[in-house]
Every structure is written in C-alpha cells, then in structure tokens.
C-alpha cells in the first residue's frame, strides 16, 4: 500500500510539473525516477488521481489533474453542458445558489464567475478557457457521470451476471418479492432486442430493464427495472423506464403494457406514463408469465389466491384509452 501511495504521489508531481501526453511517456519518466509500473496499473492510478486529457495549444492533448480534491460538493447537480464561453449546469429546483457558490469557490482556471437561477447555474468562461478541463472538473465536483441509456446489444451480455446480482440484492434489501433471474435469461432478452441498458462512459453497468410479450402479443410486460447502487439518486430509473416504454410501443404498438410491482417509485413513474392500477384479472392470463413468479418469495400468496392477487400492484397502459402521457424528459 505504501509503494502504491508513493507511486501516485510521484505521478501527480510529474503531471503537475510537466506536460505528459501519453501513458507510455509517463512510464518512461517513472523509470527515470526508479519506479516501475505496468500500463494497467498506471491506468488505474491515473483514474484514481482524477487526471484527464486536456487540449494542448501546441497540438494534441496532455494530462491534467482536476482541481476538485478539496471542493467535493454534497449538493445536487444533474448535467453540465458547454457552448462557446458559457457553461450551463442543470440542478434540482432550489439548488442553484449553493451549486453556484461551490463552483466559484473551486477557483477553476478560465471561469470568470457564475450566475444562479432556481434550477440552472450559468458560468462565464474566458476565451482561452480549457472547456474539456472545466467540464470534467465540474462533473467530478458534483459526482456527475455521463450515462448512455439505450437498447441493449449482444456486446452487453457480459453484464448479465451483474444485472442478476443487482436484482437479487435489491429484493433482499426491500424484503419484497422480486423473482430471481438467471444470466442466461437476461442474455436471451438482450439478444432478442427486448432490453434497455444504462452504461457509463467508462463501460460500467448502471441500470437495466426488459420487456416480454404475452397472450399472442396482446400484452407486453415491462420487468426487471434496476439501477446499480452507486448510480442511484441521479434520475436514471426514469430514463430507463422511458426508453423501455418507447421500446414496448415500437415493437408492439397495439399491445397493452403492464407491470406488477411493490415499489412506490416504480408506481409513480408508471402513473406519469399513463398506466393505471388494475386487478390481476385485467392482465395477461398466459400461464408462462405467472410461471415466472415462481422464484418470488411471495409466490405461495399468489398461488393461494388462484393468481388473482398478491402483494404486488398491477399497473396497465392501454393504447386505446388515449390517455395523456407525460414524458419526464419533456
């Protein structure tokens, strides 16, 4: 541990004292100082130090450590976007003033000052400001991670085991009945183009959901909505739910879409999309769907009531009802 700590201190000193353009160049400088490190080790050290590539006026890019080590904020911020000499930070309503003050106190090079509204902070940048450095620094300051929510592809099958673990852990924490899924089952949904996944810019799994048709495609179930623990509280569940809903409407435009859940947050999101609570009798009677509940700890309750009720709430969206739908991103 001591060698690792010392190596990171040396790396930080090198990056701060000279322009290092590549990891190979950094390995060479480290060797000159009597320190040997593999490229894999170096990549991890660079990530942990918070070093990022910034534009070099003389051409190319070089490493620079973000100035956020002493300014990490507990306030909420949701996105950062830079256009020209303006940096727009979107925050939750009422959080703009403290977020603005935090950015000002960070003393980021190139930031002249900020203006706070209610849910937006506007930072004015100098003409020569390094926008990539400012963007990455502000994101790190407020723990903002770029997460891509999209239809899952074959390459995402590698996340299947992690997805299953997250689903199981969530069911244990909530002490509710989430049916156990296998990696093979999740991979099947991914390969069929019936899943939505959230992945960070670094390739970390962040969230997942999938759909399945029942009753000769008259019904579509949205299931398995999960957000990885470290990415919770970022509004990611809504984004995944929206993409899952759109996927359902695209693949099965005439089908009724349903969900059964015990989660209040999931119920609220479903209401926003036009779902309504219904008895299980209005959901699919396809035995294969209800067979999927056998892995749930409350399956005996469902079976004893002849599949007519359980502790879950049934929610249904019927396209023929012409309900007004609120999309969270609009």
Protein backbone atom coordinates (compact mmCIF):
# COMPACT_ATOMS: atom_id res chain seq x y z
CA UNK A 1 0.00 0.00 0.00
CA UNK A 2 2.87 2.35 0.86
CA UNK A 3 4.52 1.76 -2.55
CA UNK A 4 1.23 2.44 -4.28
CA UNK A 5 0.66 5.67 -2.34
CA UNK A 6 4.19 6.84 -3.05
CA UNK A 7 3.85 5.98 -6.76
CA UNK A 8 0.64 8.02 -7.03
CA UNK A 9 2.31 10.99 -5.34
CA UNK A 10 5.16 10.81 -7.84
CA UNK A 11 2.73 10.54 -10.76
CA UNK A 12 0.79 13.58 -9.51
CA UNK A 13 4.03 15.53 -9.19
CA UNK A 14 5.09 14.61 -12.72
CA UNK A 15 1.74 15.55 -14.24
CA UNK A 16 1.66 18.87 -12.39
CA UNK A 17 5.25 19.80 -13.27
CA UNK A 18 5.41 18.87 -16.95
CA UNK A 19 3.21 18.03 -19.92
CA UNK A 20 2.66 14.28 -20.21
CA UNK A 21 0.87 13.39 -23.45
CA UNK A 22 0.70 9.58 -23.24
CA UNK A 23 0.89 6.76 -20.70
CA UNK A 24 3.98 5.45 -22.45
CA UNK A 25 5.66 8.80 -21.87
CA UNK A 26 4.67 8.67 -18.19
CA UNK A 27 6.08 5.13 -17.84
CA UNK A 28 9.41 6.38 -19.21
CA UNK A 29 9.56 9.31 -16.77
CA UNK A 30 8.67 7.00 -13.87
CA UNK A 31 11.52 4.63 -14.82
CA UNK A 32 13.91 7.58 -14.75
CA UNK A 33 12.83 8.07 -11.13
CA UNK A 34 13.34 4.42 -10.31
CA UNK A 35 9.66 3.41 -10.36
CA UNK A 36 8.37 0.54 -12.49
CA UNK A 37 4.66 0.19 -13.33
CA UNK A 38 2.61 -1.70 -15.89
CA UNK A 39 0.21 0.16 -18.17
CA UNK A 40 -2.79 -1.42 -16.40
CA UNK A 41 -1.52 -0.19 -13.02
CA UNK A 42 -0.82 3.23 -14.47
CA UNK A 43 -4.33 3.49 -15.95
CA UNK A 44 -5.83 2.76 -12.53
CA UNK A 45 -3.58 5.31 -10.80
CA UNK A 46 -4.46 7.99 -13.36
CA UNK A 47 -8.17 7.33 -12.88
CA UNK A 48 -7.92 7.44 -9.09
CA UNK A 49 -5.96 10.69 -9.22
CA UNK A 50 -8.70 12.23 -11.36
CA UNK A 51 -6.30 13.07 -14.19
CA UNK A 52 -7.93 13.88 -17.52
CA UNK A 53 -6.75 14.70 -21.02
CA UNK A 54 -6.97 18.41 -21.92
CA UNK A 55 -6.19 20.25 -25.14
CA UNK A 56 -2.62 21.43 -25.69
CA UNK A 57 -2.42 24.78 -27.56
CA UNK A 58 0.72 23.43 -29.22
CA UNK A 59 -1.19 20.41 -30.51
CA UNK A 60 -2.51 17.14 -29.13
CA UNK A 61 -3.58 16.56 -25.52
CA UNK A 62 -1.86 16.17 -22.19
CA UNK A 63 -2.81 15.01 -18.69
CA UNK A 64 -4.03 17.42 -16.05
CA UNK A 65 -5.38 16.73 -12.57
CA UNK A 66 -8.79 18.22 -11.88
CA UNK A 67 -8.93 20.81 -9.12
CA UNK A 68 -11.62 19.11 -7.09
CA UNK A 69 -9.83 17.32 -4.26
CA UNK A 70 -10.89 19.82 -1.62
CA UNK A 71 -14.11 21.07 -3.21
CA UNK A 72 -16.19 17.90 -3.47
CA UNK A 73 -19.79 19.01 -3.01
CA UNK A 74 -22.76 17.36 -1.34
CA UNK A 75 -25.19 19.50 -3.37
CA UNK A 76 -27.06 18.03 -6.32
CA UNK A 77 -26.29 18.76 -9.96
CA UNK A 78 -27.66 16.79 -12.90
CA UNK A 79 -25.85 17.83 -16.09
CA UNK A 80 -23.09 20.04 -17.48
CA UNK A 81 -23.08 21.48 -21.00
CA UNK A 82 -20.65 23.99 -22.52
CA UNK A 83 -21.28 26.09 -25.62
CA UNK A 84 -18.81 28.79 -26.55
CA UNK A 85 -17.92 30.79 -23.44
CA UNK A 86 -20.94 29.60 -21.45
CA UNK A 87 -21.16 26.60 -19.13
CA UNK A 88 -24.71 25.57 -18.16
CA UNK A 89 -25.18 23.40 -15.08
CA UNK A 90 -28.68 21.97 -14.54
CA UNK A 91 -29.61 21.27 -10.93
CA UNK A 92 -32.65 20.30 -8.92
CA UNK A 93 -35.08 23.18 -8.17
CA UNK A 94 -33.74 25.43 -5.41
CA UNK A 95 -30.17 24.10 -5.55
CA UNK A 96 -28.72 26.65 -7.99
CA UNK A 97 -27.39 29.19 -5.40
CA UNK A 98 -25.30 26.69 -3.36
CA UNK A 99 -24.06 24.96 -6.53
CA UNK A 100 -23.06 28.34 -7.94
CA UNK A 101 -21.18 29.22 -4.75
CA UNK A 102 -19.38 25.86 -4.80
CA UNK A 103 -18.17 26.40 -8.37
CA UNK A 104 -16.98 29.92 -7.54
CA UNK A 105 -15.05 28.69 -4.51
CA UNK A 106 -13.32 25.98 -6.57
CA UNK A 107 -11.29 28.60 -8.45
CA UNK A 108 -11.32 26.69 -11.73
CA UNK A 109 -8.94 28.27 -14.29
CA UNK A 110 -10.91 30.01 -17.03
CA UNK A 111 -14.11 30.51 -15.02
CA UNK A 112 -14.76 34.24 -14.51
CA UNK A 113 -17.87 33.84 -12.38
CA UNK A 114 -21.33 32.32 -12.12
CA UNK A 115 -24.98 33.39 -12.08
CA UNK A 116 -27.58 31.31 -10.26
CA UNK A 117 -31.26 30.95 -11.10
CA UNK A 118 -33.51 28.37 -9.48
CA UNK A 119 -32.58 25.17 -11.30
CA UNK A 120 -29.79 26.48 -13.56
CA UNK A 121 -26.29 27.84 -12.99
CA UNK A 122 -24.58 29.81 -15.74
CA UNK A 123 -20.76 30.05 -15.60
CA UNK A 124 -18.98 32.60 -17.78
CA UNK A 125 -15.72 31.35 -19.30
CA UNK A 126 -12.69 33.19 -20.64
CA UNK A 127 -11.98 32.96 -24.36
CA UNK A 128 -8.89 30.81 -23.74
CA UNK A 129 -10.61 28.56 -21.18
CA UNK A 130 -9.96 24.83 -21.45
CA UNK A 131 -13.58 23.73 -21.78
CA UNK A 132 -12.82 20.00 -21.57
CA UNK A 133 -10.97 20.52 -18.29
CA UNK A 134 -13.77 22.69 -16.86
CA UNK A 135 -16.47 20.24 -17.90
CA UNK A 136 -14.71 17.21 -16.39
CA UNK A 137 -13.88 19.15 -13.20
CA UNK A 138 -17.45 20.31 -12.61
CA UNK A 139 -18.77 16.81 -13.30
CA UNK A 140 -16.32 15.35 -10.79
CA UNK A 141 -17.18 18.05 -8.26
CA UNK A 142 -20.85 17.06 -8.27
CA UNK A 143 -20.34 13.37 -8.99
CA UNK A 144 -21.98 13.61 -12.41
CA UNK A 145 -21.32 10.63 -14.67
CA UNK A 146 -22.18 10.52 -18.36
CA UNK A 147 -24.53 7.58 -18.70
CA UNK A 148 -25.88 6.30 -22.01
CA UNK A 149 -29.34 4.72 -21.87
CA UNK A 150 -30.00 2.64 -24.98
CA UNK A 151 -31.41 -0.59 -26.37
CA UNK A 152 -29.13 -3.42 -25.23
CA UNK A 153 -26.95 -5.19 -27.81
CA UNK A 154 -25.18 -8.56 -27.94
CA UNK A 155 -22.00 -6.99 -26.54
CA UNK A 156 -23.94 -6.19 -23.35
CA UNK A 157 -24.40 -9.88 -22.49
CA UNK A 158 -21.24 -9.55 -20.40
CA UNK A 159 -23.27 -7.59 -17.83
CA UNK A 160 -25.87 -10.36 -17.36
CA UNK A 161 -24.44 -11.78 -14.13
CA UNK A 162 -24.01 -8.31 -12.62
CA UNK A 163 -27.60 -7.46 -13.54
CA UNK A 164 -28.88 -10.60 -11.82
CA UNK A 165 -26.86 -9.82 -8.70
CA UNK A 166 -28.27 -6.29 -8.53
CA UNK A 167 -31.83 -7.61 -8.89
CA UNK A 168 -31.29 -10.16 -6.14
CA UNK A 169 -29.60 -7.71 -3.74
CA UNK A 170 -32.39 -5.20 -4.29
CA UNK A 171 -35.02 -7.81 -3.44
CA UNK A 172 -33.15 -8.67 -0.24
CA UNK A 173 -32.86 -5.03 0.80
CA UNK A 174 -36.50 -4.21 0.13
CA UNK A 175 -37.68 -7.53 1.62
CA UNK A 176 -40.15 -7.77 -1.25
CA UNK A 177 -40.85 -10.31 -3.94
CA UNK A 178 -38.65 -9.84 -6.95
CA UNK A 179 -38.49 -13.05 -8.97
CA UNK A 180 -34.96 -14.43 -9.33
CA UNK A 181 -33.50 -14.26 -12.84
CA UNK A 182 -30.58 -16.16 -14.35
CA UNK A 183 -27.77 -14.70 -16.51
CA UNK A 184 -28.97 -16.92 -19.37
CA UNK A 185 -32.47 -15.45 -19.11
CA UNK A 186 -31.12 -11.87 -19.17
CA UNK A 187 -28.87 -12.68 -22.13
CA UNK A 188 -31.87 -14.05 -24.01
CA UNK A 189 -33.72 -10.73 -23.63
CA UNK A 190 -30.65 -8.77 -24.71
CA UNK A 191 -30.09 -10.85 -27.84
CA UNK A 192 -33.78 -10.56 -28.76
CA UNK A 193 -33.57 -6.76 -28.73
CA UNK A 194 -36.05 -6.58 -25.86
CA UNK A 195 -33.89 -4.92 -23.21
CA UNK A 196 -32.73 -1.44 -22.28
CA UNK A 197 -29.38 -0.90 -20.57
CA UNK A 198 -27.59 2.06 -19.00
CA UNK A 199 -23.79 2.14 -19.28
CA UNK A 200 -21.33 4.85 -18.23
CA UNK A 201 -18.74 6.41 -20.50
CA UNK A 202 -16.18 4.14 -18.79
CA UNK A 203 -18.17 0.99 -19.52
CA UNK A 204 -19.61 0.49 -16.03
CA UNK A 205 -23.06 -1.10 -15.77
CA UNK A 206 -25.55 1.41 -14.35
CA UNK A 207 -29.07 0.08 -14.96
CA UNK A 208 -31.34 -2.30 -16.85
CA UNK A 209 -34.88 -3.24 -17.81
CA UNK A 210 -36.52 -5.60 -20.30
CA UNK A 211 -39.83 -6.38 -21.96
CA UNK A 212 -41.66 -9.55 -23.00
CA UNK A 213 -44.83 -10.16 -24.98
CA UNK A 214 -47.62 -12.43 -23.75
CA UNK A 215 -51.03 -13.70 -24.87
CA UNK A 216 -50.16 -13.77 -28.59
CA UNK A 217 -48.60 -10.28 -28.37
CA UNK A 218 -51.77 -8.72 -26.92
CA UNK A 219 -49.85 -7.84 -23.76
CA UNK A 220 -46.33 -6.59 -23.06
CA UNK A 221 -44.77 -6.75 -19.61
CA UNK A 222 -42.03 -4.34 -18.52
CA UNK A 223 -39.84 -6.05 -15.96
CA UNK A 224 -36.52 -6.13 -14.15
CA UNK A 225 -36.07 -2.37 -13.76
CA UNK A 226 -32.91 -1.99 -11.70
CA UNK A 227 -30.35 0.76 -11.07
CA UNK A 228 -26.91 -0.16 -9.75
CA UNK A 229 -26.41 1.08 -6.20
CA UNK A 230 -23.70 3.64 -6.90
CA UNK A 231 -25.80 5.32 -9.60
CA UNK A 232 -28.99 5.72 -7.61
CA UNK A 233 -30.41 9.17 -6.91
CA UNK A 234 -29.47 10.51 -10.36
CA UNK A 235 -32.90 10.16 -12.00
CA UNK A 236 -31.63 7.19 -14.01
CA UNK A 237 -34.65 4.97 -13.31
CA UNK A 238 -36.92 7.43 -15.14
CA UNK A 239 -34.64 7.48 -18.16
CA UNK A 240 -34.57 3.67 -18.31
CA UNK A 241 -38.33 3.47 -17.81
CA UNK A 242 -38.92 5.94 -20.63
CA UNK A 243 -36.72 4.02 -23.07
CA UNK A 244 -38.37 0.74 -22.06
CA UNK A 245 -41.81 2.27 -22.62
CA UNK A 246 -40.76 3.57 -26.06
CA UNK A 247 -39.31 0.17 -26.96
CA UNK A 248 -42.59 -1.51 -25.99
CA UNK A 249 -44.63 0.92 -28.10
CA UNK A 250 -42.27 0.49 -31.06
CA UNK A 251 -42.18 -3.32 -31.08
CA UNK A 252 -45.80 -3.87 -30.02
CA UNK A 253 -47.78 -0.69 -30.87
CA UNK A 254 -51.21 -2.25 -30.31
CA UNK A 255 -50.40 -4.21 -27.17
CA UNK A 256 -51.44 -3.35 -23.63
CA UNK A 257 -48.40 -2.72 -21.47
CA UNK A 258 -48.41 -3.87 -17.88
CA UNK A 259 -46.19 -4.04 -14.84
CA UNK A 260 -46.52 -5.62 -11.41
CA UNK A 261 -44.50 -4.03 -8.63
CA UNK A 262 -44.28 -3.31 -4.93
CA UNK A 263 -42.08 -0.23 -5.40
CA UNK A 264 -43.65 3.18 -4.84
CA UNK A 265 -41.13 4.88 -7.14
CA UNK A 266 -41.93 2.49 -10.00
CA UNK A 267 -45.67 3.05 -9.46
CA UNK A 268 -45.19 6.82 -9.64
CA UNK A 269 -43.22 6.56 -12.88
CA UNK A 270 -45.88 4.31 -14.40
CA UNK A 271 -48.60 6.80 -13.49
CA UNK A 272 -46.65 9.52 -15.34
CA UNK A 273 -46.68 7.39 -18.48
CA UNK A 274 -50.42 6.83 -18.35
CA UNK A 275 -50.60 3.49 -16.51
CA UNK A 276 -53.47 2.85 -14.10
CA UNK A 277 -53.83 0.34 -11.24
CA UNK A 278 -55.91 -2.70 -12.19
CA UNK A 279 -56.79 -6.11 -10.70
CA UNK A 280 -54.73 -9.02 -11.95
CA UNK A 281 -57.77 -10.23 -13.91
CA UNK A 282 -57.12 -7.40 -16.43
CA UNK A 283 -53.56 -8.58 -17.02
CA UNK A 284 -52.48 -11.47 -19.19
CA UNK A 285 -53.77 -14.94 -18.33
CA UNK A 286 -50.79 -16.52 -20.07
CA UNK A 287 -49.57 -19.21 -17.62
CA UNK A 288 -45.98 -18.78 -18.79
CA UNK A 289 -45.92 -15.21 -17.43
CA UNK A 290 -47.16 -16.23 -13.99
CA UNK A 291 -44.74 -19.14 -14.01
CA UNK A 292 -42.00 -16.51 -13.88
CA UNK A 293 -43.21 -15.56 -10.41
CA UNK A 294 -42.27 -18.95 -9.01
CA UNK A 295 -38.89 -17.58 -7.97
CA UNK A 296 -40.52 -14.90 -5.83
CA UNK A 297 -40.70 -15.41 -2.06
CA UNK A 298 -44.41 -14.48 -2.15
CA UNK A 299 -45.39 -16.99 -4.83
CA UNK A 300 -47.46 -19.01 -2.33
CA UNK A 301 -49.69 -15.96 -1.75
CA UNK A 302 -50.27 -15.57 -5.49
CA UNK A 303 -50.97 -19.28 -5.94
CA UNK A 304 -53.34 -19.48 -2.96
CA UNK A 305 -55.44 -16.71 -4.50
CA UNK A 306 -55.58 -18.51 -7.85
CA UNK A 307 -53.31 -15.87 -9.44
CA UNK A 308 -55.90 -13.14 -8.84
CA UNK A 309 -53.93 -11.08 -6.31
CA UNK A 310 -50.65 -10.83 -4.40
CA UNK A 311 -48.67 -8.14 -2.57
CA UNK A 312 -47.73 -6.56 -5.93
CA UNK A 313 -49.87 -3.90 -7.58
CA UNK A 314 -50.89 -4.45 -11.19
CA UNK A 315 -50.47 -1.43 -13.50
CA UNK A 316 -51.75 -1.26 -17.07
CA UNK A 317 -51.34 1.05 -20.06
CA UNK A 318 -53.94 0.57 -22.79
CA UNK A 319 -53.17 2.47 -26.04
CA UNK A 320 -56.90 2.53 -26.86
CA UNK A 321 -57.63 4.59 -23.76
CA UNK A 322 -55.92 7.62 -25.36
CA UNK A 323 -54.58 8.76 -22.00
CA UNK A 324 -52.38 11.83 -21.91
CA UNK A 325 -48.82 10.72 -21.32
CA UNK A 326 -46.24 12.80 -19.55
CA UNK A 327 -42.67 12.11 -20.64
CA UNK A 328 -40.17 13.01 -17.89
CA UNK A 329 -37.65 14.44 -20.36
CA UNK A 330 -40.13 16.87 -21.94
